[in-house]
N, C-alpha and C. Protein backbone atom coordinates (compact mmCIF):
# COMPACT_ATOMS: atom_id res chain seq x y z
N UNK A 1 4.69 -1.20 7.34
CA UNK A 1 3.51 -1.17 8.19
C UNK A 1 2.43 -2.10 7.64
N UNK A 2 2.29 -2.12 6.31
CA UNK A 2 1.29 -2.98 5.70
C UNK A 2 1.57 -4.46 5.93
N UNK A 3 2.85 -4.81 5.95
CA UNK A 3 3.20 -6.21 6.18
C UNK A 3 2.78 -6.67 7.56
N UNK A 4 2.94 -5.81 8.54
CA UNK A 4 2.57 -6.16 9.92
C UNK A 4 1.07 -6.39 10.00
N UNK A 5 0.29 -5.51 9.40
CA UNK A 5 -1.16 -5.66 9.42
C UNK A 5 -1.58 -6.92 8.67
N UNK A 6 -0.92 -7.20 7.55
CA UNK A 6 -1.22 -8.41 6.80
C UNK A 6 -0.98 -9.67 7.61
N UNK A 7 0.17 -9.71 8.28
CA UNK A 7 0.48 -10.88 9.10
C UNK A 7 -0.49 -11.02 10.28
N UNK A 8 -0.88 -9.90 10.88
CA UNK A 8 -1.84 -9.95 11.99
C UNK A 8 -3.18 -10.50 11.52
N UNK A 9 -3.63 -10.08 10.34
CA UNK A 9 -4.91 -10.58 9.82
C UNK A 9 -4.84 -12.07 9.50
N UNK A 10 -3.71 -12.52 8.98
CA UNK A 10 -3.56 -13.95 8.69
C UNK A 10 -3.56 -14.75 9.98
N UNK A 11 -2.86 -14.28 10.99
CA UNK A 11 -2.83 -14.97 12.28
C UNK A 11 -4.22 -14.98 12.91
N UNK A 12 -4.95 -13.87 12.77
CA UNK A 12 -6.31 -13.82 13.30
C UNK A 12 -7.22 -14.82 12.58
N UNK A 13 -7.07 -14.93 11.27
CA UNK A 13 -7.86 -15.91 10.52
C UNK A 13 -7.55 -17.33 10.92
N UNK A 14 -6.27 -17.64 11.09
CA UNK A 14 -5.89 -18.99 11.51
C UNK A 14 -6.40 -19.28 12.92
N UNK A 15 -6.27 -18.31 13.81
CA UNK A 15 -6.75 -18.51 15.18
C UNK A 15 -8.26 -18.69 15.21
N UNK A 16 -8.97 -17.91 14.41
CA UNK A 16 -10.42 -18.04 14.36
C UNK A 16 -10.83 -19.40 13.82
N UNK A 17 -10.12 -19.88 12.82
CA UNK A 17 -10.41 -21.21 12.27
C UNK A 17 -10.15 -22.31 13.29
N UNK A 18 -8.97 -22.28 13.90
CA UNK A 18 -8.61 -23.34 14.85
C UNK A 18 -9.49 -23.34 16.09
N UNK A 19 -9.73 -22.15 16.64
CA UNK A 19 -10.57 -22.09 17.84
C UNK A 19 -12.02 -22.47 17.53
N UNK A 20 -12.50 -22.10 16.37
CA UNK A 20 -13.87 -22.43 16.01
C UNK A 20 -14.08 -23.91 15.77
N UNK A 21 -13.09 -24.57 15.17
CA UNK A 21 -13.25 -25.98 14.83
C UNK A 21 -12.88 -26.93 15.96
N UNK A 22 -11.87 -26.59 16.72
CA UNK A 22 -11.38 -27.53 17.72
C UNK A 22 -11.77 -27.19 19.15
N UNK A 23 -11.95 -25.92 19.47
CA UNK A 23 -12.29 -25.53 20.83
C UNK A 23 -13.73 -25.03 20.96
N UNK A 24 -14.46 -24.97 19.83
CA UNK A 24 -15.84 -24.50 19.81
C UNK A 24 -15.98 -23.10 20.39
N UNK A 25 -15.00 -22.23 20.10
CA UNK A 25 -15.03 -20.84 20.53
C UNK A 25 -15.18 -19.98 19.29
N UNK A 26 -16.26 -19.20 19.23
CA UNK A 26 -16.52 -18.36 18.08
C UNK A 26 -16.03 -16.94 18.38
N UNK A 27 -14.95 -16.52 17.72
CA UNK A 27 -14.40 -15.20 17.96
C UNK A 27 -15.24 -14.09 17.32
N UNK A 28 -15.98 -14.43 16.29
CA UNK A 28 -16.75 -13.42 15.56
C UNK A 28 -18.25 -13.71 15.66
N UNK A 29 -18.72 -13.97 16.87
CA UNK A 29 -20.13 -14.28 17.09
C UNK A 29 -21.04 -13.13 16.69
N UNK A 30 -20.55 -11.89 16.75
CA UNK A 30 -21.36 -10.72 16.45
C UNK A 30 -21.74 -10.63 14.98
N UNK A 31 -21.10 -11.43 14.11
CA UNK A 31 -21.43 -11.41 12.69
C UNK A 31 -22.60 -12.33 12.35
N UNK A 32 -23.04 -13.11 13.30
CA UNK A 32 -24.14 -14.02 13.06
C UNK A 32 -23.72 -15.16 12.14
N UNK A 33 -24.56 -15.47 11.14
CA UNK A 33 -24.21 -16.58 10.24
C UNK A 33 -22.99 -16.30 9.36
N UNK A 34 -22.63 -15.06 9.19
CA UNK A 34 -21.45 -14.73 8.39
C UNK A 34 -20.15 -15.10 9.10
N UNK A 35 -20.22 -15.39 10.38
CA UNK A 35 -19.00 -15.74 11.12
C UNK A 35 -18.39 -17.05 10.62
N UNK A 36 -19.16 -17.82 9.85
CA UNK A 36 -18.64 -19.05 9.25
C UNK A 36 -17.51 -18.74 8.28
N UNK A 37 -17.61 -17.61 7.60
CA UNK A 37 -16.65 -17.26 6.55
C UNK A 37 -15.56 -16.30 7.02
N UNK A 38 -15.60 -15.87 8.27
CA UNK A 38 -14.65 -14.87 8.75
C UNK A 38 -13.19 -15.32 8.69
N UNK A 39 -12.83 -16.59 8.94
CA UNK A 39 -11.41 -16.95 8.79
C UNK A 39 -10.90 -16.76 7.36
N UNK A 40 -11.76 -17.06 6.39
CA UNK A 40 -11.37 -16.89 5.00
C UNK A 40 -11.23 -15.42 4.64
N UNK A 41 -12.11 -14.60 5.19
CA UNK A 41 -12.04 -13.16 4.92
C UNK A 41 -10.79 -12.56 5.54
N UNK A 42 -10.51 -12.90 6.80
CA UNK A 42 -9.31 -12.37 7.46
C UNK A 42 -8.04 -12.82 6.74
N UNK A 43 -7.97 -14.09 6.42
CA UNK A 43 -6.78 -14.59 5.72
C UNK A 43 -6.64 -14.00 4.34
N UNK A 44 -7.73 -13.86 3.62
CA UNK A 44 -7.68 -13.28 2.28
C UNK A 44 -7.27 -11.83 2.30
N UNK A 45 -7.81 -11.07 3.23
CA UNK A 45 -7.41 -9.66 3.35
C UNK A 45 -5.94 -9.55 3.72
N UNK A 46 -5.49 -10.41 4.61
CA UNK A 46 -4.08 -10.39 4.98
C UNK A 46 -3.18 -10.68 3.80
N UNK A 47 -3.56 -11.67 2.99
CA UNK A 47 -2.76 -11.98 1.80
C UNK A 47 -2.78 -10.85 0.79
N UNK A 48 -3.93 -10.23 0.60
CA UNK A 48 -4.02 -9.08 -0.32
C UNK A 48 -3.14 -7.94 0.14
N UNK A 49 -3.15 -7.67 1.42
CA UNK A 49 -2.32 -6.58 1.95
C UNK A 49 -0.85 -6.91 1.80
N UNK A 50 -0.48 -8.17 2.07
CA UNK A 50 0.93 -8.57 1.92
C UNK A 50 1.37 -8.45 0.46
N UNK A 51 0.54 -8.93 -0.46
CA UNK A 51 0.92 -8.85 -1.87
C UNK A 51 0.97 -7.41 -2.36
N UNK A 52 0.08 -6.57 -1.88
CA UNK A 52 0.08 -5.17 -2.26
C UNK A 52 1.27 -4.42 -1.72
N UNK A 53 1.68 -4.74 -0.52
CA UNK A 53 2.80 -4.01 0.08
C UNK A 53 4.14 -4.45 -0.53
N UNK A 54 4.23 -5.67 -1.00
CA UNK A 54 5.48 -6.13 -1.59
C UNK A 54 5.67 -5.63 -3.01
N UNK A 55 4.57 -5.33 -3.72
CA UNK A 55 4.70 -4.85 -5.09
C UNK A 55 5.17 -3.40 -5.12
N UNK A 56 5.00 -2.65 -4.05
CA UNK A 56 5.44 -1.27 -4.00
C UNK A 56 6.95 -1.14 -3.89
N UNK A 57 7.61 -2.20 -3.39
CA UNK A 57 9.05 -2.13 -3.17
C UNK A 57 9.81 -2.29 -4.41
């Protein structure tokens, strides 16, 4: 279950980055100026969850 959530967060981070830079669509406008860092936060959380779920096996 953790792997699925990790992959979803990584995909969300990549989508937020690509849409923000190339299509000028801000997915996290509600965060205000912090929305600049949201792709890094989503991707980082996804990687942490993936690494944490694989160490349990």
